[in-house]
């Protein structure tokens, strides 16, 4: 239940709670005393654990509750309150929760206890945002490596279909054009194809529109993704061909290995911004207050990370090969001038921008055909060396 405006943080529930606390004599001094007492409990628990008197390191409930109240009653944008109301045994029960808008409150103390550490990921950049978000203030060494797999074994296309803004996603003409391009890609790809849509709703919509002549699997909410994934993988590993339809914010964009022919082409349809609900707007507002660039911190950069993670599913080793397709005009190099602030082309690292090839919709099938034809010639030449 919404109790606080995500931007202005007007919170009538908080004001009523303060009034009730004041009337009952529950002052800030009591909260401060509880924090002090809870901290002493924590010290004692750590001491007992260290000398082996207890097997489990306990935490002070007093400290947790007092710090929670202190953070909620403080006027800070870095926590966003939510009231959960549930019915238990035919009685309404309310639970106040605090959502951490900026994770550094959790991660900064952790990093400060370390002598050194290594953060490694293919999608960490931009580094300054990572350091600000996690609260890393110490000196760092930043290393970035380009794509090391052979360039002739991969290709990245940006297709200039109309931008898939939320207001246009049900436009029949746009759906028809996107469906036609996807159909061409599936037809010309000699192996498994993964389609990442912006949402589960769009994934279902195009699942119902597409009619490929190969097996098609849908990653649905509430259905085991593992079962769908294994069937799809088996077809690819047997050098067959199938289509897997999923969505960017699902479970298949990261942490899943698509090696050994499990995928030969990945297509990201649309930019895939997360739902701009109260929590997301609260996060954006918190970053705006703290760093002055809320949209980039909360929405733009995390979304492009998701897109890049999805693209990375197709190339998993130097011997692997595959095609990566971004289906939305906002990805193209030309969008920086045509679409201006709506363009996301410059949100990609420079080395990846240089590899993106802009393609108009009716030429996509030839671009796909040429890539796999060139690749077949390369593999034939390699086998005869």
Protein backbone atom coordinates (compact mmCIF):
# COMPACT_ATOMS: atom_id res chain seq x y z
CA UNK A 1 0.00 0.00 0.00
CA UNK A 2 1.36 3.39 -0.99
CA UNK A 3 1.93 5.65 2.02
CA UNK A 4 4.63 7.96 0.65
CA UNK A 5 4.94 9.94 -2.55
CA UNK A 6 7.99 8.50 -4.40
CA UNK A 7 9.21 11.95 -5.44
CA UNK A 8 8.22 14.44 -2.72
CA UNK A 9 8.14 11.82 0.09
CA UNK A 10 4.98 13.29 1.61
CA UNK A 11 3.96 10.68 4.19
CA UNK A 12 0.78 11.19 6.23
CA UNK A 13 1.23 7.79 7.86
CA UNK A 14 4.57 8.91 9.25
CA UNK A 15 3.09 12.14 10.58
CA UNK A 16 0.28 10.25 12.31
CA UNK A 17 2.80 7.80 13.80
CA UNK A 18 4.90 10.68 15.13
CA UNK A 19 1.82 12.23 16.72
CA UNK A 20 0.82 8.93 18.36
CA UNK A 21 4.38 8.41 19.63
CA UNK A 22 4.49 11.91 21.10
CA UNK A 23 1.15 11.44 22.86
CA UNK A 24 2.36 8.19 24.44
CA UNK A 25 5.70 9.67 25.52
CA UNK A 26 7.72 7.65 23.00
CA UNK A 27 10.44 10.17 22.13
CA UNK A 28 13.52 10.19 19.92
CA UNK A 29 15.59 9.85 23.09
CA UNK A 30 14.06 6.40 23.65
CA UNK A 31 15.03 5.36 20.11
CA UNK A 32 18.59 6.63 20.68
CA UNK A 33 18.78 4.71 23.95
CA UNK A 34 17.50 1.56 22.24
CA UNK A 35 20.19 1.88 19.55
CA UNK A 36 22.85 2.26 22.22
CA UNK A 37 21.54 -0.74 24.20
CA UNK A 38 21.22 -2.85 21.05
CA UNK A 39 24.80 -2.00 20.07
CA UNK A 40 25.99 -3.29 23.45
CA UNK A 41 24.05 -6.51 22.88
CA UNK A 42 25.75 -6.86 19.47
CA UNK A 43 29.20 -6.47 21.03
CA UNK A 44 28.41 -9.15 23.58
CA UNK A 45 27.05 -11.53 20.93
CA UNK A 46 30.22 -11.11 18.83
CA UNK A 47 32.41 -11.72 21.87
CA UNK A 48 30.54 -14.91 22.80
CA UNK A 49 30.73 -16.16 19.22
CA UNK A 50 34.45 -15.39 18.94
CA UNK A 51 35.39 -17.36 22.07
CA UNK A 52 33.18 -20.27 21.02
CA UNK A 53 30.48 -19.89 23.64
CA UNK A 54 27.80 -19.78 20.92
CA UNK A 55 27.78 -21.59 17.57
CA UNK A 56 25.67 -18.97 15.82
CA UNK A 57 26.40 -15.24 15.68
CA UNK A 58 23.19 -13.65 16.94
CA UNK A 59 21.82 -10.23 16.05
CA UNK A 60 20.11 -7.84 18.40
CA UNK A 61 16.38 -7.49 17.69
CA UNK A 62 16.45 -4.32 19.79
CA UNK A 63 19.07 -2.76 17.54
CA UNK A 64 17.30 -3.85 14.34
CA UNK A 65 13.95 -2.40 15.45
CA UNK A 66 15.46 0.84 16.75
CA UNK A 67 17.53 1.47 13.61
CA UNK A 68 14.47 0.70 11.47
CA UNK A 69 12.40 3.29 13.34
CA UNK A 70 15.22 5.83 13.21
CA UNK A 71 15.61 5.44 9.44
CA UNK A 72 11.88 5.64 8.81
CA UNK A 73 11.36 8.74 10.93
CA UNK A 74 14.40 10.50 9.43
CA UNK A 75 13.75 12.62 6.37
CA UNK A 76 15.99 10.73 3.95
CA UNK A 77 15.34 9.83 0.32
CA UNK A 78 17.51 6.73 0.51
CA UNK A 79 14.76 4.63 2.11
CA UNK A 80 11.27 4.23 0.70
CA UNK A 81 8.45 3.06 3.03
CA UNK A 82 5.75 0.59 2.03
CA UNK A 83 2.81 -0.60 4.13
CA UNK A 84 1.87 -4.23 3.56
CA UNK A 85 -1.64 -5.11 4.74
CA UNK A 86 -2.64 -8.77 4.95
CA UNK A 87 -5.53 -10.73 6.36
CA UNK A 88 -4.42 -13.33 8.91
CA UNK A 89 -7.07 -15.45 10.66
CA UNK A 90 -9.77 -13.04 9.45
CA UNK A 91 -7.90 -10.12 11.00
CA UNK A 92 -6.12 -7.34 9.14
CA UNK A 93 -2.42 -7.09 9.95
CA UNK A 94 -0.16 -4.28 8.78
CA UNK A 95 3.58 -4.48 8.30
CA UNK A 96 5.76 -1.46 7.64
CA UNK A 97 8.70 -2.08 5.30
CA UNK A 98 11.62 0.09 4.22
CA UNK A 99 12.94 -0.37 0.71
CA UNK A 100 16.60 0.63 0.31
CA UNK A 101 16.74 2.97 -2.67
CA UNK A 102 20.55 3.05 -2.90
CA UNK A 103 22.36 -0.21 -1.97
CA UNK A 104 25.47 1.44 -0.54
CA UNK A 105 23.93 1.36 2.95
CA UNK A 106 24.35 -2.40 2.82
CA UNK A 107 27.48 -2.69 0.68
CA UNK A 108 29.65 0.18 1.93
CA UNK A 109 30.20 -1.26 5.46
CA UNK A 110 31.03 -4.61 3.85
CA UNK A 111 33.66 -3.14 1.53
CA UNK A 112 35.18 -1.15 4.40
CA UNK A 113 35.91 -4.39 6.28
CA UNK A 114 37.90 -5.85 3.37
CA UNK A 115 41.63 -5.49 2.78
CA UNK A 116 41.06 -5.82 -0.95
CA UNK A 117 38.47 -7.12 -3.36
CA UNK A 118 37.81 -7.87 -7.01
CA UNK A 119 34.53 -7.03 -8.73
CA UNK A 120 34.35 -8.77 -12.09
CA UNK A 121 31.59 -8.73 -14.67
CA UNK A 122 31.21 -8.14 -18.39
CA UNK A 123 28.65 -5.42 -17.64
CA UNK A 124 30.19 -3.38 -14.78
CA UNK A 125 30.77 -0.25 -16.81
CA UNK A 126 30.33 2.67 -16.26
CA UNK A 127 32.69 2.25 -13.30
CA UNK A 128 31.93 5.59 -11.63
CA UNK A 129 28.27 4.64 -11.27
CA UNK A 130 29.16 1.26 -9.78
CA UNK A 131 31.43 2.90 -7.19
CA UNK A 132 28.82 5.51 -6.25
CA UNK A 133 26.03 2.96 -6.01
CA UNK A 134 28.03 0.53 -3.85
CA UNK A 135 29.72 3.22 -1.74
CA UNK A 136 33.28 2.39 -2.79
CA UNK A 137 35.43 5.38 -1.78
CA UNK A 138 38.91 3.82 -1.67
CA UNK A 139 41.36 3.98 -4.57
CA UNK A 140 40.53 1.49 -7.31
CA UNK A 141 42.19 0.01 -10.37
CA UNK A 142 39.75 -0.18 -13.26
CA UNK A 143 40.31 -2.62 -16.12
CA UNK A 144 38.07 -2.99 -19.16
CA UNK A 145 38.63 -5.51 -21.92
CA UNK A 146 36.93 -5.53 -25.29
CA UNK A 147 35.26 -8.57 -26.80
CA UNK A 148 38.09 -11.11 -27.13
CA UNK A 149 36.25 -13.74 -29.17
CA UNK A 150 37.05 -13.69 -32.94
CA UNK A 151 35.12 -10.91 -34.65
CA UNK A 152 34.49 -13.00 -37.77
CA UNK A 153 32.48 -15.41 -35.59
CA UNK A 154 30.04 -12.79 -34.34
CA UNK A 155 28.00 -9.92 -35.70
CA UNK A 156 25.83 -7.26 -34.05
CA UNK A 157 22.91 -5.73 -35.92
CA UNK A 158 20.72 -2.77 -34.92
CA UNK A 159 17.44 -2.83 -36.85
CA UNK A 160 15.61 0.41 -37.56
CA UNK A 161 12.04 -0.63 -36.75
CA UNK A 162 9.94 2.12 -35.12
CA UNK A 163 10.80 2.67 -31.44
CA UNK A 164 8.72 0.29 -29.34
CA UNK A 165 7.42 2.88 -26.89
CA UNK A 166 4.71 1.70 -24.50
CA UNK A 167 2.06 3.75 -26.33
CA UNK A 168 2.87 2.03 -29.65
CA UNK A 169 3.23 -1.59 -28.56
CA UNK A 170 -0.32 -2.48 -29.63
CA UNK A 171 -0.08 -0.62 -32.94
CA UNK A 172 -1.07 -3.21 -35.62
CA UNK A 173 1.35 -1.81 -38.20
CA UNK A 174 4.31 -1.94 -35.81
CA UNK A 175 3.39 -5.46 -34.65
CA UNK A 176 3.17 -6.56 -38.29
CA UNK A 177 6.60 -5.08 -39.13
CA UNK A 178 8.31 -6.51 -36.04
CA UNK A 179 6.73 -9.92 -36.64
CA UNK A 180 7.96 -9.91 -40.26
CA UNK A 181 11.54 -9.07 -39.24
CA UNK A 182 11.59 -11.74 -36.51
CA UNK A 183 10.20 -14.29 -38.99
CA UNK A 184 13.02 -13.48 -41.43
CA UNK A 185 15.63 -13.87 -38.69
CA UNK A 186 14.24 -17.24 -37.60
CA UNK A 187 14.05 -18.49 -41.19
CA UNK A 188 17.64 -17.54 -42.06
CA UNK A 189 19.28 -18.70 -38.81
CA UNK A 190 20.65 -22.29 -38.98
CA UNK A 191 20.03 -23.08 -35.32
CA UNK A 192 18.29 -22.03 -32.14
CA UNK A 193 16.96 -18.48 -31.78
CA UNK A 194 16.24 -16.67 -28.49
CA UNK A 195 13.82 -13.73 -28.48
CA UNK A 196 13.99 -11.33 -25.52
CA UNK A 197 10.95 -9.07 -25.29
CA UNK A 198 10.42 -6.04 -23.06
CA UNK A 199 7.86 -7.78 -20.84
CA UNK A 200 6.10 -11.09 -20.26
CA UNK A 201 2.97 -9.56 -21.81
CA UNK A 202 4.76 -8.77 -25.07
CA UNK A 203 6.42 -12.18 -25.10
CA UNK A 204 2.97 -13.81 -24.96
CA UNK A 205 1.61 -11.40 -27.58
CA UNK A 206 4.27 -12.31 -30.15
CA UNK A 207 4.17 -15.99 -29.21
CA UNK A 208 0.56 -15.90 -30.40
CA UNK A 209 1.47 -13.97 -33.58
CA UNK A 210 4.55 -15.85 -34.75
CA UNK A 211 4.10 -19.01 -36.80
CA UNK A 212 7.55 -20.50 -37.41
CA UNK A 213 7.95 -23.94 -38.96
CA UNK A 214 10.04 -25.06 -35.99
CA UNK A 215 9.25 -25.78 -32.30
CA UNK A 216 8.53 -22.64 -30.27
CA UNK A 217 8.80 -22.39 -26.47
CA UNK A 218 7.38 -19.65 -24.22
CA UNK A 219 8.95 -18.70 -20.89
CA UNK A 220 5.81 -17.98 -18.86
CA UNK A 221 5.40 -16.54 -15.37
CA UNK A 222 4.42 -19.34 -13.00
CA UNK A 223 5.78 -22.10 -15.27
CA UNK A 224 9.13 -23.78 -14.59
CA UNK A 225 11.73 -22.04 -16.77
CA UNK A 226 14.11 -24.96 -16.29
CA UNK A 227 11.84 -27.41 -18.09
CA UNK A 228 11.38 -25.05 -21.05
CA UNK A 229 15.09 -24.30 -21.15
CA UNK A 230 16.16 -27.96 -21.16
CA UNK A 231 13.87 -28.84 -24.09
CA UNK A 232 15.17 -25.86 -26.04
CA UNK A 233 18.81 -26.72 -25.24
CA UNK A 234 18.37 -30.35 -26.32
CA UNK A 235 17.20 -29.32 -29.78
CA UNK A 236 20.16 -26.98 -30.22
CA UNK A 237 22.71 -29.50 -28.97
CA UNK A 238 21.33 -32.02 -31.48
CA UNK A 239 21.93 -29.41 -34.23
CA UNK A 240 18.21 -28.82 -34.61
CA UNK A 241 16.32 -25.55 -34.57
CA UNK A 242 13.80 -24.03 -32.19
CA UNK A 243 12.68 -20.63 -30.89
CA UNK A 244 12.66 -19.61 -27.22
CA UNK A 245 10.49 -16.60 -26.36
CA UNK A 246 11.25 -14.87 -23.07
CA UNK A 247 11.60 -11.36 -21.60
CA UNK A 248 14.48 -9.19 -20.40
CA UNK A 249 13.58 -9.07 -16.72
CA UNK A 250 12.99 -12.81 -16.50
CA UNK A 251 15.41 -15.51 -15.31
CA UNK A 252 17.04 -16.37 -18.65
CA UNK A 253 19.06 -13.20 -19.34
CA UNK A 254 21.96 -14.05 -17.03
CA UNK A 255 23.57 -16.99 -15.28
CA UNK A 256 22.50 -19.44 -18.00
CA UNK A 257 25.10 -21.03 -20.28
CA UNK A 258 24.02 -21.32 -23.93
CA UNK A 259 27.14 -23.15 -25.17
CA UNK A 260 27.43 -26.07 -27.63
CA UNK A 261 24.90 -24.81 -30.14
CA UNK A 262 22.24 -24.02 -27.59
CA UNK A 263 21.74 -20.69 -29.35
CA UNK A 264 22.97 -19.29 -32.66
CA UNK A 265 21.04 -16.02 -32.62
CA UNK A 266 19.71 -13.75 -29.89
CA UNK A 267 17.24 -10.96 -30.63
CA UNK A 268 16.37 -8.19 -28.15
CA UNK A 269 13.06 -6.59 -29.14
CA UNK A 270 12.66 -3.10 -27.70
CA UNK A 271 14.73 -1.41 -25.00
CA UNK A 272 12.95 -3.08 -22.09
CA UNK A 273 12.79 -0.46 -19.37
CA UNK A 274 11.40 -1.83 -16.08
CA UNK A 275 7.89 -0.91 -14.96
CA UNK A 276 8.04 2.62 -13.57
CA UNK A 277 6.09 1.84 -10.40
CA UNK A 278 6.34 3.64 -7.05
CA UNK A 279 9.47 1.74 -6.00
CA UNK A 280 11.28 2.51 -9.24
CA UNK A 281 10.31 6.18 -9.07
CA UNK A 282 11.50 6.29 -5.45
CA UNK A 283 14.86 4.84 -6.52
CA UNK A 284 15.11 7.37 -9.36
CA UNK A 285 14.25 10.20 -6.96
CA UNK A 286 16.86 9.05 -4.43
CA UNK A 287 19.62 8.96 -7.04
CA UNK A 288 18.50 12.33 -8.38
CA UNK A 289 18.85 13.87 -4.91
CA UNK A 290 22.18 12.18 -4.24
CA UNK A 291 23.96 12.33 -7.61
CA UNK A 292 21.80 14.54 -9.83
CA UNK A 293 21.24 11.91 -12.53
CA UNK A 294 18.39 9.76 -11.31
CA UNK A 295 17.19 8.42 -14.67
CA UNK A 296 20.62 7.11 -15.68
CA UNK A 297 21.39 5.54 -12.31
CA UNK A 298 18.00 3.95 -11.66
CA UNK A 299 16.71 3.10 -15.13
CA UNK A 300 18.95 3.67 -18.15
CA UNK A 301 22.19 1.99 -17.07
CA UNK A 302 20.56 -1.06 -15.38
CA UNK A 303 18.40 -1.60 -18.48
CA UNK A 304 21.34 -1.47 -20.89
CA UNK A 305 23.18 -3.91 -18.60
CA UNK A 306 20.23 -6.28 -18.96
CA UNK A 307 20.29 -5.88 -22.74
CA UNK A 308 24.03 -6.57 -22.91
CA UNK A 309 23.64 -9.61 -20.65
CA UNK A 310 20.95 -10.96 -22.97
CA UNK A 311 23.16 -10.36 -26.01
CA UNK A 312 26.01 -12.24 -24.35
CA UNK A 313 24.01 -15.50 -24.24
CA UNK A 314 24.98 -16.40 -27.82
CA UNK A 315 28.81 -16.26 -27.73
CA UNK A 316 30.31 -18.30 -24.89
CA UNK A 317 33.78 -19.36 -26.13
CA UNK A 318 36.38 -18.56 -28.84
CA UNK A 319 35.08 -21.52 -30.87
CA UNK A 320 31.46 -20.42 -30.57
CA UNK A 321 29.65 -18.31 -33.16
CA UNK A 322 26.42 -16.41 -33.38
CA UNK A 323 24.41 -13.35 -34.32
CA UNK A 324 23.17 -10.60 -31.99
CA UNK A 325 20.24 -8.45 -33.11
CA UNK A 326 18.83 -5.33 -31.42
CA UNK A 327 15.36 -4.65 -32.79
CA UNK A 328 14.44 -1.01 -32.14
CA UNK A 329 15.49 2.23 -33.84
CA UNK A 330 16.76 3.59 -30.52
CA UNK A 331 19.77 1.25 -30.75
CA UNK A 332 20.97 2.52 -34.14
CA UNK A 333 23.83 4.97 -34.62
CA UNK A 334 21.49 7.26 -36.54
CA UNK A 335 19.10 7.51 -33.59
CA UNK A 336 21.43 9.90 -31.75
CA UNK A 337 20.38 12.61 -34.24
CA UNK A 338 16.90 11.40 -35.18
CA UNK A 339 15.57 10.44 -31.75
CA UNK A 340 17.93 12.51 -29.57
CA UNK A 341 17.14 11.96 -25.89
CA UNK A 342 15.27 8.73 -26.67
CA UNK A 343 18.34 7.16 -28.28
CA UNK A 344 20.24 4.54 -26.25
CA UNK A 345 23.06 4.00 -28.75
CA UNK A 346 25.60 5.99 -26.73
CA UNK A 347 24.70 4.10 -23.55
CA UNK A 348 26.76 1.16 -24.84
CA UNK A 349 30.55 0.99 -24.33
CA UNK A 350 32.48 2.47 -27.25
CA UNK A 351 33.95 -0.85 -28.44
CA UNK A 352 30.46 -2.34 -28.72
CA UNK A 353 29.06 0.74 -30.48
CA UNK A 354 31.74 0.38 -33.14
CA UNK A 355 30.59 -3.16 -33.90
CA UNK A 356 26.89 -2.34 -34.24
CA UNK A 357 25.72 -2.38 -37.87
CA UNK A 358 22.57 -0.40 -38.69
CA UNK A 359 20.13 -2.34 -40.91
CA UNK A 360 16.75 -1.36 -42.34
CA UNK A 361 13.97 -3.92 -41.76
CA UNK A 362 13.64 -5.28 -45.31
CA UNK A 363 17.41 -5.96 -45.48
CA UNK A 364 17.63 -7.94 -42.24
CA UNK A 365 17.13 -11.35 -43.85
CA UNK A 366 20.05 -10.67 -46.21
CA UNK A 367 22.27 -9.51 -43.34
CA UNK A 368 21.50 -12.72 -41.43
CA UNK A 369 21.96 -14.87 -44.51
CA UNK A 370 25.31 -13.25 -45.36
CA UNK A 371 26.69 -13.68 -41.85
CA UNK A 372 25.99 -17.39 -41.65
CA UNK A 373 27.12 -17.90 -45.26
CA UNK A 374 30.44 -16.15 -44.53
CA UNK A 375 30.78 -18.19 -41.37
CA UNK A 376 30.20 -21.45 -43.22
CA UNK A 377 32.98 -20.55 -45.65
CA UNK A 378 35.29 -19.69 -42.74
CA UNK A 379 34.60 -22.97 -40.96
CA UNK A 380 35.16 -24.91 -44.19
CA UNK A 381 38.52 -23.17 -44.68
CA UNK A 382 39.51 -23.90 -41.07
CA UNK A 383 38.64 -27.59 -41.43
CA UNK A 384 40.93 -27.89 -44.46
CA UNK A 385 43.96 -26.29 -42.85
